[in-house]
């Protein structure tokens, strides 16, 4: 069985061709593309096929950064309109499924080996129950793994666009500051994302928390500002950049706890996305877990939840491939 799997993000699109035999996956070809270099997703698939000339595929599944409604996704951070019916005609198979990217990530988490995780909660208890996934990258994704007593079922969401809720005087000031920039709605994604790191940096700089480091003053206009902030924090121990990451992790932990409460994820919480693994020295300190647990009367319930970070950057791609084999 040949399976085409994809992870379609606002920054990068990963495609891979897998061969399945007795439930095991063998990767045949894979490639990564810069999403904004293409006018449509079909253009990406066409280029992939022209390079690798795969035989007729049996099934395909694609995780997409955006809501999938009735087999269609108009991507959130890309000008793409992706339709299941179009892909069926183009790929020549009826076994096609579009998933929200966090839905695919959630399914992928179930297929990772334990050594591919870093555990944040030493007090975690193992429970067969719902799980959830939160992942900050180009945007903020959230998903549920509903447990029916026998197996897990991934459920996508757009929870990353829910209202940002401050938890301290510093965050109160942040919300007031952000309301001037985003007058209609301040969501968690505006903070818990790659661009959000730079937003937090700007807030702290304007509030006079600490002087701007020389490395940030000299940054080229087209450089990744958020990545440079992380480098200034982790390599130079710059006070302004360290506070930026600390504030990011506090808010990240708080929203992970919110998601865990709303989904009753006694089975555990997965942290995915491209940012977590890059800021591990800060994320593994107390600020994330303290904010995760600090839920008043439900503090003890959250204190027992397993919270772990995936180190596999291709979790969504893997999830798409396994979904195609297991569900299509």
C-alpha atoms as a PDB file:
ATOM      1  CA  UNK A   1       0.000   0.000   0.000  1.00  0.00           C
ATOM      2  CA  UNK A   2       1.385   3.392  -1.043  1.00  0.00           C
ATOM      3  CA  UNK A   3       0.379   6.394   1.031  1.00  0.00           C
ATOM      4  CA  UNK A   4       0.998  10.077   0.361  1.00  0.00           C
ATOM      5  CA  UNK A   5       1.072  12.123   3.580  1.00  0.00           C
ATOM      6  CA  UNK A   6       1.431  15.829   4.139  1.00  0.00           C
ATOM      7  CA  UNK A   7       1.860  18.457   6.837  1.00  0.00           C
ATOM      8  CA  UNK A   8       0.768  21.823   5.436  1.00  0.00           C
ATOM      9  CA  UNK A   9       1.863  24.806   7.499  1.00  0.00           C
ATOM     10  CA  UNK A  10       1.906  28.538   7.059  1.00  0.00           C
ATOM     11  CA  UNK A  11       5.704  28.456   6.698  1.00  0.00           C
ATOM     12  CA  UNK A  12       6.597  24.998   5.384  1.00  0.00           C
ATOM     13  CA  UNK A  13       4.845  22.102   3.682  1.00  0.00           C
ATOM     14  CA  UNK A  14       6.232  18.601   4.180  1.00  0.00           C
ATOM     15  CA  UNK A  15       5.228  15.747   1.876  1.00  0.00           C
ATOM     16  CA  UNK A  16       6.247  12.116   2.091  1.00  0.00           C
ATOM     17  CA  UNK A  17       5.491   8.905   0.251  1.00  0.00           C
ATOM     18  CA  UNK A  18       5.216   5.857   2.498  1.00  0.00           C
ATOM     19  CA  UNK A  19       4.942   2.158   1.876  1.00  0.00           C
ATOM     20  CA  UNK A  20       2.823   0.242   4.373  1.00  0.00           C
ATOM     21  CA  UNK A  21       3.305  -3.433   5.082  1.00  0.00           C
ATOM     22  CA  UNK A  22       1.576  -5.263   7.934  1.00  0.00           C
ATOM     23  CA  UNK A  23       0.905  -1.985   9.738  1.00  0.00           C
ATOM     24  CA  UNK A  24       4.498  -0.763   9.541  1.00  0.00           C
ATOM     25  CA  UNK A  25       5.558   2.349   7.640  1.00  0.00           C
ATOM     26  CA  UNK A  26       8.583   2.631   5.400  1.00  0.00           C
ATOM     27  CA  UNK A  27       9.359   6.074   4.012  1.00  0.00           C
ATOM     28  CA  UNK A  28      10.215   6.063   0.311  1.00  0.00           C
ATOM     29  CA  UNK A  29      10.598   9.754  -0.491  1.00  0.00           C
ATOM     30  CA  UNK A  30      10.112  13.003   1.380  1.00  0.00           C
ATOM     31  CA  UNK A  31      10.576  16.692   0.655  1.00  0.00           C
ATOM     32  CA  UNK A  32      10.027  20.074   2.267  1.00  0.00           C
ATOM     33  CA  UNK A  33       8.760  23.181   0.470  1.00  0.00           C
ATOM     34  CA  UNK A  34       8.363  26.830   1.449  1.00  0.00           C
ATOM     35  CA  UNK A  35       4.602  27.245   1.393  1.00  0.00           C
ATOM     36  CA  UNK A  36       4.528  30.868   0.248  1.00  0.00           C
ATOM     37  CA  UNK A  37       6.482  30.005  -2.891  1.00  0.00           C
ATOM     38  CA  UNK A  38       3.343  28.349  -4.317  1.00  0.00           C
ATOM     39  CA  UNK A  39      -0.040  29.677  -5.394  1.00  0.00           C
ATOM     40  CA  UNK A  40      -1.862  26.477  -4.434  1.00  0.00           C
ATOM     41  CA  UNK A  41      -1.352  23.186  -2.654  1.00  0.00           C
ATOM     42  CA  UNK A  42      -1.896  21.320  -5.923  1.00  0.00           C
ATOM     43  CA  UNK A  43       1.219  23.070  -7.277  1.00  0.00           C
ATOM     44  CA  UNK A  44       3.235  21.619  -4.374  1.00  0.00           C
ATOM     45  CA  UNK A  45       1.895  18.096  -4.993  1.00  0.00           C
ATOM     46  CA  UNK A  46       2.595  18.404  -8.715  1.00  0.00           C
ATOM     47  CA  UNK A  47       6.218  19.385  -8.066  1.00  0.00           C
ATOM     48  CA  UNK A  48       6.657  16.528  -5.581  1.00  0.00           C
ATOM     49  CA  UNK A  49       5.304  14.032  -8.078  1.00  0.00           C
ATOM     50  CA  UNK A  50       7.437  15.389 -10.917  1.00  0.00           C
ATOM     51  CA  UNK A  51      10.568  14.904  -8.831  1.00  0.00           C
ATOM     52  CA  UNK A  52       9.865  11.471  -7.461  1.00  0.00           C
ATOM     53  CA  UNK A  53       7.456   9.981 -10.029  1.00  0.00           C
ATOM     54  CA  UNK A  54       5.598   7.776  -7.549  1.00  0.00           C
ATOM     55  CA  UNK A  55       3.392   4.973  -8.717  1.00  0.00           C
ATOM     56  CA  UNK A  56      -0.358   5.256  -8.287  1.00  0.00           C
ATOM     57  CA  UNK A  57      -1.001   5.909  -4.611  1.00  0.00           C
ATOM     58  CA  UNK A  58      -3.663   4.014  -2.660  1.00  0.00           C
ATOM     59  CA  UNK A  59      -4.538   6.693  -0.106  1.00  0.00           C
ATOM     60  CA  UNK A  60      -3.560  10.199   0.971  1.00  0.00           C
ATOM     61  CA  UNK A  61      -3.997  12.243   4.126  1.00  0.00           C
ATOM     62  CA  UNK A  62      -2.949  15.842   4.716  1.00  0.00           C
ATOM     63  CA  UNK A  63      -2.800  17.807   7.946  1.00  0.00           C
ATOM     64  CA  UNK A  64      -3.524  21.480   7.267  1.00  0.00           C
ATOM     65  CA  UNK A  65      -3.066  24.594   9.404  1.00  0.00           C
ATOM     66  CA  UNK A  66      -6.673  25.738   9.295  1.00  0.00           C
ATOM     67  CA  UNK A  67     -10.251  24.581   9.837  1.00  0.00           C
ATOM     68  CA  UNK A  68     -11.428  21.666   7.687  1.00  0.00           C
ATOM     69  CA  UNK A  69     -15.152  22.009   7.009  1.00  0.00           C
ATOM     70  CA  UNK A  70     -16.994  19.508   4.807  1.00  0.00           C
ATOM     71  CA  UNK A  71     -13.805  18.354   3.128  1.00  0.00           C
ATOM     72  CA  UNK A  72     -12.507  21.831   2.418  1.00  0.00           C
ATOM     73  CA  UNK A  73      -9.932  24.102   4.038  1.00  0.00           C
ATOM     74  CA  UNK A  74      -9.277  27.764   3.343  1.00  0.00           C
ATOM     75  CA  UNK A  75      -5.946  28.037   5.081  1.00  0.00           C
ATOM     76  CA  UNK A  76      -5.528  30.554   7.909  1.00  0.00           C
ATOM     77  CA  UNK A  77      -2.022  31.816   7.111  1.00  0.00           C
ATOM     78  CA  UNK A  78      -1.887  31.039   3.369  1.00  0.00           C
ATOM     79  CA  UNK A  79      -3.997  32.047   0.334  1.00  0.00           C
ATOM     80  CA  UNK A  80      -4.856  28.404  -0.428  1.00  0.00           C
ATOM     81  CA  UNK A  81      -8.268  26.816  -0.944  1.00  0.00           C
ATOM     82  CA  UNK A  82      -7.865  23.039  -0.596  1.00  0.00           C
ATOM     83  CA  UNK A  83     -10.738  20.685  -1.481  1.00  0.00           C
ATOM     84  CA  UNK A  84     -10.954  16.949  -0.997  1.00  0.00           C
ATOM     85  CA  UNK A  85     -12.880  16.469  -4.265  1.00  0.00           C
ATOM     86  CA  UNK A  86     -10.161  18.268  -6.249  1.00  0.00           C
ATOM     87  CA  UNK A  87      -7.462  16.071  -4.718  1.00  0.00           C
ATOM     88  CA  UNK A  88      -9.459  12.901  -5.436  1.00  0.00           C
ATOM     89  CA  UNK A  89      -9.540  13.792  -9.119  1.00  0.00           C
ATOM     90  CA  UNK A  90      -5.913  14.865  -9.214  1.00  0.00           C
ATOM     91  CA  UNK A  91      -4.495  11.881  -7.312  1.00  0.00           C
ATOM     92  CA  UNK A  92      -6.868   9.300  -8.763  1.00  0.00           C
ATOM     93  CA  UNK A  93      -8.113   7.794  -5.511  1.00  0.00           C
ATOM     94  CA  UNK A  94     -11.232   8.132  -3.380  1.00  0.00           C
ATOM     95  CA  UNK A  95      -9.268   7.482  -0.199  1.00  0.00           C
ATOM     96  CA  UNK A  96      -8.387  11.085   0.597  1.00  0.00           C
ATOM     97  CA  UNK A  97      -8.760  12.907   3.907  1.00  0.00           C
ATOM     98  CA  UNK A  98      -8.005  16.454   5.009  1.00  0.00           C
ATOM     99  CA  UNK A  99      -7.321  16.909   8.717  1.00  0.00           C
ATOM    100  CA  UNK A 100      -6.667  19.957  10.796  1.00  0.00           C
ATOM    101  CA  UNK A 101      -2.902  19.978  11.358  1.00  0.00           C
ATOM    102  CA  UNK A 102      -3.304  19.509  15.104  1.00  0.00           C
ATOM    103  CA  UNK A 103      -5.661  16.615  14.477  1.00  0.00           C
ATOM    104  CA  UNK A 104      -2.844  15.006  12.484  1.00  0.00           C
ATOM    105  CA  UNK A 105      -0.307  15.939  15.175  1.00  0.00           C
ATOM    106  CA  UNK A 106      -2.499  14.366  17.851  1.00  0.00           C
ATOM    107  CA  UNK A 107      -2.681  11.114  15.903  1.00  0.00           C
ATOM    108  CA  UNK A 108       1.071  11.231  15.383  1.00  0.00           C
ATOM    109  CA  UNK A 109       1.703  11.599  19.116  1.00  0.00           C
ATOM    110  CA  UNK A 110       0.125   8.176  19.632  1.00  0.00           C
ATOM    111  CA  UNK A 111       2.741   6.644  17.328  1.00  0.00           C
ATOM    112  CA  UNK A 112       5.906   8.116  18.859  1.00  0.00           C
ATOM    113  CA  UNK A 113       8.328   6.132  20.991  1.00  0.00           C
ATOM    114  CA  UNK A 114       8.703   7.274  24.586  1.00  0.00           C
ATOM    115  CA  UNK A 115      12.305   8.388  24.055  1.00  0.00           C
ATOM    116  CA  UNK A 116      10.997  11.040  21.659  1.00  0.00           C
ATOM    117  CA  UNK A 117       9.421  12.931  24.559  1.00  0.00           C
ATOM    118  CA  UNK A 118      10.689  15.112  27.373  1.00  0.00           C
ATOM    119  CA  UNK A 119       8.500  14.869  30.477  1.00  0.00           C
ATOM    120  CA  UNK A 120       7.786  18.068  32.408  1.00  0.00           C
ATOM    121  CA  UNK A 121       5.791  16.674  35.331  1.00  0.00           C
ATOM    122  CA  UNK A 122       7.627  14.289  37.691  1.00  0.00           C
ATOM    123  CA  UNK A 123       4.390  13.780  39.656  1.00  0.00           C
ATOM    124  CA  UNK A 124       2.395  12.491  36.664  1.00  0.00           C
ATOM    125  CA  UNK A 125       0.041   9.527  37.021  1.00  0.00           C
ATOM    126  CA  UNK A 126      -0.733   7.132  34.154  1.00  0.00           C
ATOM    127  CA  UNK A 127      -4.457   7.168  33.370  1.00  0.00           C
ATOM    128  CA  UNK A 128      -6.435   5.801  30.414  1.00  0.00           C
ATOM    129  CA  UNK A 129      -8.489   8.879  29.602  1.00  0.00           C
ATOM    130  CA  UNK A 130      -8.750  11.793  27.191  1.00  0.00           C
ATOM    131  CA  UNK A 131      -5.569  13.533  26.108  1.00  0.00           C
ATOM    132  CA  UNK A 132      -4.951  16.863  24.411  1.00  0.00           C
ATOM    133  CA  UNK A 133      -2.319  18.539  22.258  1.00  0.00           C
ATOM    134  CA  UNK A 134      -1.180  22.153  22.161  1.00  0.00           C
ATOM    135  CA  UNK A 135       1.429  23.345  19.685  1.00  0.00           C
ATOM    136  CA  UNK A 136       2.911  26.799  19.143  1.00  0.00           C
ATOM    137  CA  UNK A 137       4.636  27.385  15.823  1.00  0.00           C
ATOM    138  CA  UNK A 138       3.717  29.742  13.001  1.00  0.00           C
ATOM    139  CA  UNK A 139       0.343  29.831  14.787  1.00  0.00           C
ATOM    140  CA  UNK A 140      -1.170  28.131  17.832  1.00  0.00           C
ATOM    141  CA  UNK A 141      -2.880  24.777  17.389  1.00  0.00           C
ATOM    142  CA  UNK A 142      -4.980  22.787  19.829  1.00  0.00           C
ATOM    143  CA  UNK A 143      -6.580  19.352  19.544  1.00  0.00           C
ATOM    144  CA  UNK A 144      -8.244  16.628  21.581  1.00  0.00           C
ATOM    145  CA  UNK A 145      -7.653  12.883  21.693  1.00  0.00           C
ATOM    146  CA  UNK A 146     -11.018  11.528  22.813  1.00  0.00           C
ATOM    147  CA  UNK A 147     -10.779   8.149  24.544  1.00  0.00           C
ATOM    148  CA  UNK A 148     -13.794   5.867  24.071  1.00  0.00           C
ATOM    149  CA  UNK A 149     -12.564   3.212  26.497  1.00  0.00           C
ATOM    150  CA  UNK A 150     -10.697   1.266  23.806  1.00  0.00           C
ATOM    151  CA  UNK A 151      -8.930   3.678  21.469  1.00  0.00           C
ATOM    152  CA  UNK A 152      -8.191   7.351  20.875  1.00  0.00           C
ATOM    153  CA  UNK A 153      -9.924   9.548  18.313  1.00  0.00           C
ATOM    154  CA  UNK A 154      -8.305  12.854  17.231  1.00  0.00           C
ATOM    155  CA  UNK A 155     -10.567  15.912  17.182  1.00  0.00           C
ATOM    156  CA  UNK A 156      -9.316  19.179  15.722  1.00  0.00           C
ATOM    157  CA  UNK A 157     -10.170  22.614  17.056  1.00  0.00           C
ATOM    158  CA  UNK A 158      -9.450  26.296  16.536  1.00  0.00           C
ATOM    159  CA  UNK A 159      -8.917  26.883  20.254  1.00  0.00           C
ATOM    160  CA  UNK A 160      -5.763  28.870  19.595  1.00  0.00           C
ATOM    161  CA  UNK A 161      -7.989  31.739  18.482  1.00  0.00           C
ATOM    162  CA  UNK A 162      -9.837  31.934  21.808  1.00  0.00           C
ATOM    163  CA  UNK A 163      -9.542  35.061  23.974  1.00  0.00           C
ATOM    164  CA  UNK A 164      -6.271  35.745  25.750  1.00  0.00           C
ATOM    165  CA  UNK A 165      -6.810  35.852  29.532  1.00  0.00           C
ATOM    166  CA  UNK A 166      -4.149  37.602  31.666  1.00  0.00           C
ATOM    167  CA  UNK A 167      -3.069  36.086  34.984  1.00  0.00           C
ATOM    168  CA  UNK A 168      -0.898  38.814  36.530  1.00  0.00           C
ATOM    169  CA  UNK A 169      -0.452  42.576  36.631  1.00  0.00           C
ATOM    170  CA  UNK A 170       2.216  42.260  33.960  1.00  0.00           C
ATOM    171  CA  UNK A 171      -0.176  40.324  31.732  1.00  0.00           C
ATOM    172  CA  UNK A 172      -2.985  42.814  32.494  1.00  0.00           C
ATOM    173  CA  UNK A 173      -0.723  45.525  31.082  1.00  0.00           C
ATOM    174  CA  UNK A 174       0.114  43.279  28.120  1.00  0.00           C
ATOM    175  CA  UNK A 175      -3.568  42.833  27.266  1.00  0.00           C
ATOM    176  CA  UNK A 176      -4.195  46.590  27.428  1.00  0.00           C
ATOM    177  CA  UNK A 177      -1.171  47.185  25.196  1.00  0.00           C
ATOM    178  CA  UNK A 178      -2.268  44.523  22.682  1.00  0.00           C
ATOM    179  CA  UNK A 179      -5.809  45.889  22.483  1.00  0.00           C
ATOM    180  CA  UNK A 180      -4.369  49.004  20.880  1.00  0.00           C
ATOM    181  CA  UNK A 181      -2.750  46.850  18.199  1.00  0.00           C
ATOM    182  CA  UNK A 182      -5.542  44.287  17.721  1.00  0.00           C
ATOM    183  CA  UNK A 183      -8.639  46.371  18.355  1.00  0.00           C
ATOM    184  CA  UNK A 184     -11.217  43.700  17.505  1.00  0.00           C
ATOM    185  CA  UNK A 185      -9.837  40.616  19.235  1.00  0.00           C
ATOM    186  CA  UNK A 186      -6.732  39.562  21.166  1.00  0.00           C
ATOM    187  CA  UNK A 187      -6.299  35.802  20.863  1.00  0.00           C
ATOM    188  CA  UNK A 188      -3.788  33.460  22.436  1.00  0.00           C
ATOM    189  CA  UNK A 189      -2.288  32.894  18.978  1.00  0.00           C
ATOM    190  CA  UNK A 190      -1.200  36.540  18.867  1.00  0.00           C
ATOM    191  CA  UNK A 191       1.168  35.649  21.734  1.00  0.00           C
ATOM    192  CA  UNK A 192       1.789  31.910  21.559  1.00  0.00           C
ATOM    193  CA  UNK A 193       3.376  31.735  18.119  1.00  0.00           C
ATOM    194  CA  UNK A 194       6.592  32.632  16.352  1.00  0.00           C
ATOM    195  CA  UNK A 195       5.408  36.184  15.608  1.00  0.00           C
ATOM    196  CA  UNK A 196       4.024  36.328  19.156  1.00  0.00           C
ATOM    197  CA  UNK A 197       7.500  36.063  20.680  1.00  0.00           C
ATOM    198  CA  UNK A 198       8.505  39.274  18.929  1.00  0.00           C
ATOM    199  CA  UNK A 199       5.232  40.886  20.033  1.00  0.00           C
ATOM    200  CA  UNK A 200       6.053  40.092  23.669  1.00  0.00           C
ATOM    201  CA  UNK A 201       9.540  41.485  23.137  1.00  0.00           C
ATOM    202  CA  UNK A 202       8.129  44.751  21.787  1.00  0.00           C
ATOM    203  CA  UNK A 203       5.764  45.039  24.763  1.00  0.00           C
ATOM    204  CA  UNK A 204       8.538  44.548  27.299  1.00  0.00           C
ATOM    205  CA  UNK A 205      10.846  46.927  25.456  1.00  0.00           C
ATOM    206  CA  UNK A 206       8.209  49.672  25.310  1.00  0.00           C
ATOM    207  CA  UNK A 207       7.346  49.132  28.967  1.00  0.00           C
ATOM    208  CA  UNK A 208      10.977  49.804  29.898  1.00  0.00           C
ATOM    209  CA  UNK A 209      11.704  46.369  31.357  1.00  0.00           C
ATOM    210  CA  UNK A 210      15.332  46.394  30.164  1.00  0.00           C
ATOM    211  CA  UNK A 211      17.499  47.973  27.425  1.00  0.00           C
ATOM    212  CA  UNK A 212      17.461  46.495  23.946  1.00  0.00           C
ATOM    213  CA  UNK A 213      20.472  44.253  23.273  1.00  0.00           C
ATOM    214  CA  UNK A 214      22.896  45.325  20.577  1.00  0.00           C
ATOM    215  CA  UNK A 215      22.281  42.101  18.691  1.00  0.00           C
ATOM    216  CA  UNK A 216      18.623  43.067  18.232  1.00  0.00           C
ATOM    217  CA  UNK A 217      19.476  46.641  17.256  1.00  0.00           C
ATOM    218  CA  UNK A 218      21.654  45.355  14.423  1.00  0.00           C
ATOM    219  CA  UNK A 219      19.307  42.633  13.147  1.00  0.00           C
ATOM    220  CA  UNK A 220      18.654  42.751   9.364  1.00  0.00           C
ATOM    221  CA  UNK A 221      15.124  43.687   8.349  1.00  0.00           C
ATOM    222  CA  UNK A 222      14.428  40.283   6.766  1.00  0.00           C
ATOM    223  CA  UNK A 223      15.864  38.223   9.639  1.00  0.00           C
ATOM    224  CA  UNK A 224      13.771  35.996  11.923  1.00  0.00           C
ATOM    225  CA  UNK A 225      13.378  38.339  14.879  1.00  0.00           C
ATOM    226  CA  UNK A 226      11.817  35.755  17.177  1.00  0.00           C
ATOM    227  CA  UNK A 227      14.641  33.285  16.550  1.00  0.00           C
ATOM    228  CA  UNK A 228      17.169  36.023  17.315  1.00  0.00           C
ATOM    229  CA  UNK A 229      15.360  36.828  20.570  1.00  0.00           C
ATOM    230  CA  UNK A 230      15.641  33.169  21.571  1.00  0.00           C
ATOM    231  CA  UNK A 231      19.338  33.189  20.686  1.00  0.00           C
ATOM    232  CA  UNK A 232      19.938  36.355  22.723  1.00  0.00           C
ATOM    233  CA  UNK A 233      18.206  34.747  25.679  1.00  0.00           C
ATOM    234  CA  UNK A 234      19.799  31.298  25.526  1.00  0.00           C
ATOM    235  CA  UNK A 235      23.265  32.256  24.307  1.00  0.00           C
ATOM    236  CA  UNK A 236      23.778  35.741  25.773  1.00  0.00           C
ATOM    237  CA  UNK A 237      21.463  35.561  28.801  1.00  0.00           C
ATOM    238  CA  UNK A 238      20.120  38.984  27.832  1.00  0.00           C
ATOM    239  CA  UNK A 239      17.599  40.217  30.475  1.00  0.00           C
ATOM    240  CA  UNK A 240      15.022  41.565  28.012  1.00  0.00           C
ATOM    241  CA  UNK A 241      15.061  38.447  25.837  1.00  0.00           C
ATOM    242  CA  UNK A 242      15.070  36.099  28.828  1.00  0.00           C
ATOM    243  CA  UNK A 243      11.997  37.852  30.219  1.00  0.00           C
ATOM    244  CA  UNK A 244      10.348  37.545  26.806  1.00  0.00           C
ATOM    245  CA  UNK A 245      10.762  33.762  26.808  1.00  0.00           C
ATOM    246  CA  UNK A 246       9.779  33.497  30.472  1.00  0.00           C
ATOM    247  CA  UNK A 247       6.551  35.420  29.822  1.00  0.00           C
ATOM    248  CA  UNK A 248       5.916  33.306  26.725  1.00  0.00           C
ATOM    249  CA  UNK A 249       6.312  30.088  28.755  1.00  0.00           C
ATOM    250  CA  UNK A 250       4.036  31.346  31.550  1.00  0.00           C
ATOM    251  CA  UNK A 251       1.241  32.105  29.099  1.00  0.00           C
ATOM    252  CA  UNK A 252       1.906  28.845  27.216  1.00  0.00           C
ATOM    253  CA  UNK A 253       1.610  26.843  30.419  1.00  0.00           C
ATOM    254  CA  UNK A 254      -1.565  28.651  31.453  1.00  0.00           C
ATOM    255  CA  UNK A 255      -3.303  27.967  28.137  1.00  0.00           C
ATOM    256  CA  UNK A 256      -2.139  24.340  28.172  1.00  0.00           C
ATOM    257  CA  UNK A 257      -3.803  24.055  31.570  1.00  0.00           C
ATOM    258  CA  UNK A 258      -6.971  25.685  30.214  1.00  0.00           C
ATOM    259  CA  UNK A 259      -7.102  23.136  27.406  1.00  0.00           C
ATOM    260  CA  UNK A 260      -6.513  20.263  29.818  1.00  0.00           C
ATOM    261  CA  UNK A 261      -9.409  21.439  31.988  1.00  0.00           C
ATOM    262  CA  UNK A 262     -11.810  21.911  29.093  1.00  0.00           C
ATOM    263  CA  UNK A 263     -11.088  18.452  27.687  1.00  0.00           C
ATOM    264  CA  UNK A 264     -10.639  16.596  31.009  1.00  0.00           C
ATOM    265  CA  UNK A 265      -7.333  15.305  29.697  1.00  0.00           C
ATOM    266  CA  UNK A 266      -6.470  13.084  32.632  1.00  0.00           C
ATOM    267  CA  UNK A 267      -4.558  10.903  30.170  1.00  0.00           C
ATOM    268  CA  UNK A 268      -2.017  13.643  29.571  1.00  0.00           C
ATOM    269  CA  UNK A 269      -1.041  16.735  27.627  1.00  0.00           C
ATOM    270  CA  UNK A 270       1.263  16.737  24.611  1.00  0.00           C
ATOM    271  CA  UNK A 271       3.310  19.812  23.690  1.00  0.00           C
ATOM    272  CA  UNK A 272       4.103  19.966  19.981  1.00  0.00           C
ATOM    273  CA  UNK A 273       5.006  22.627  17.443  1.00  0.00           C
ATOM    274  CA  UNK A 274       8.333  24.010  16.328  1.00  0.00           C
ATOM    275  CA  UNK A 275       9.004  26.374  19.236  1.00  0.00           C
ATOM    276  CA  UNK A 276       8.999  24.120  22.307  1.00  0.00           C
ATOM    277  CA  UNK A 277      12.048  22.057  21.372  1.00  0.00           C
ATOM    278  CA  UNK A 278      14.018  25.225  20.560  1.00  0.00           C
ATOM    279  CA  UNK A 279      13.494  26.873  23.964  1.00  0.00           C
ATOM    280  CA  UNK A 280      13.781  23.793  26.189  1.00  0.00           C
ATOM    281  CA  UNK A 281      16.142  25.424  28.734  1.00  0.00           C
ATOM    282  CA  UNK A 282      13.391  27.930  29.573  1.00  0.00           C
ATOM    283  CA  UNK A 283      10.340  25.744  28.968  1.00  0.00           C
ATOM    284  CA  UNK A 284      11.599  23.038  31.326  1.00  0.00           C
ATOM    285  CA  UNK A 285      11.971  25.514  34.191  1.00  0.00           C
ATOM    286  CA  UNK A 286       9.167  26.141  36.656  1.00  0.00           C
ATOM    287  CA  UNK A 287       7.317  28.975  34.860  1.00  0.00           C
ATOM    288  CA  UNK A 288       5.477  26.686  32.402  1.00  0.00           C
ATOM    289  CA  UNK A 289       4.382  24.011  34.881  1.00  0.00           C
ATOM    290  CA  UNK A 290       3.572  26.524  37.642  1.00  0.00           C
ATOM    291  CA  UNK A 291       1.164  28.307  35.297  1.00  0.00           C
ATOM    292  CA  UNK A 292      -0.216  24.982  34.044  1.00  0.00           C
ATOM    293  CA  UNK A 293      -1.066  23.784  37.551  1.00  0.00           C
ATOM    294  CA  UNK A 294      -2.233  27.099  39.038  1.00  0.00           C
ATOM    295  CA  UNK A 295      -5.982  26.567  38.512  1.00  0.00           C
ATOM    296  CA  UNK A 296      -7.341  27.193  41.990  1.00  0.00           C
ATOM    297  CA  UNK A 297      -9.650  24.405  43.177  1.00  0.00           C
ATOM    298  CA  UNK A 298      -8.464  22.096  40.371  1.00  0.00           C
ATOM    299  CA  UNK A 299      -4.771  22.503  41.129  1.00  0.00           C
ATOM    300  CA  UNK A 300      -4.420  18.955  42.457  1.00  0.00           C
ATOM    301  CA  UNK A 301      -6.065  17.432  39.395  1.00  0.00           C
ATOM    302  CA  UNK A 302      -3.650  19.184  37.056  1.00  0.00           C
ATOM    303  CA  UNK A 303      -0.709  18.366  39.290  1.00  0.00           C
ATOM    304  CA  UNK A 304      -1.195  14.689  38.435  1.00  0.00           C
ATOM    305  CA  UNK A 305      -1.416  15.089  34.640  1.00  0.00           C
ATOM    306  CA  UNK A 306       1.365  13.837  32.396  1.00  0.00           C
ATOM    307  CA  UNK A 307       2.807  16.757  30.400  1.00  0.00           C
ATOM    308  CA  UNK A 308       5.415  16.016  27.768  1.00  0.00           C
ATOM    309  CA  UNK A 309       7.138  17.706  24.834  1.00  0.00           C
ATOM    310  CA  UNK A 310       7.520  15.950  21.495  1.00  0.00           C
ATOM    311  CA  UNK A 311      11.015  16.220  20.011  1.00  0.00           C
ATOM    312  CA  UNK A 312       9.903  14.814  16.649  1.00  0.00           C
ATOM    313  CA  UNK A 313       9.476  17.666  14.168  1.00  0.00           C
ATOM    314  CA  UNK A 314       7.573  15.391  11.773  1.00  0.00           C
ATOM    315  CA  UNK A 315       4.824  14.341  14.205  1.00  0.00           C
ATOM    316  CA  UNK A 316       2.017  15.764  12.051  1.00  0.00           C
ATOM    317  CA  UNK A 317       3.406  14.092   8.931  1.00  0.00           C
ATOM    318  CA  UNK A 318       3.649  10.783  10.755  1.00  0.00           C
ATOM    319  CA  UNK A 319       0.112  11.224  12.068  1.00  0.00           C
ATOM    320  CA  UNK A 320      -1.246  11.861   8.570  1.00  0.00           C
ATOM    321  CA  UNK A 321       0.425   8.706   7.268  1.00  0.00           C
ATOM    322  CA  UNK A 322      -0.869   6.519  10.107  1.00  0.00           C
ATOM    323  CA  UNK A 323      -4.363   7.995   9.768  1.00  0.00           C
ATOM    324  CA  UNK A 324      -4.390   7.087   6.069  1.00  0.00           C
ATOM    325  CA  UNK A 325      -3.452   3.490   6.893  1.00  0.00           C
ATOM    326  CA  UNK A 326      -5.626   3.022   9.970  1.00  0.00           C
ATOM    327  CA  UNK A 327      -8.758   4.987   9.044  1.00  0.00           C
ATOM    328  CA  UNK A 328      -9.081   5.214   5.252  1.00  0.00           C
END
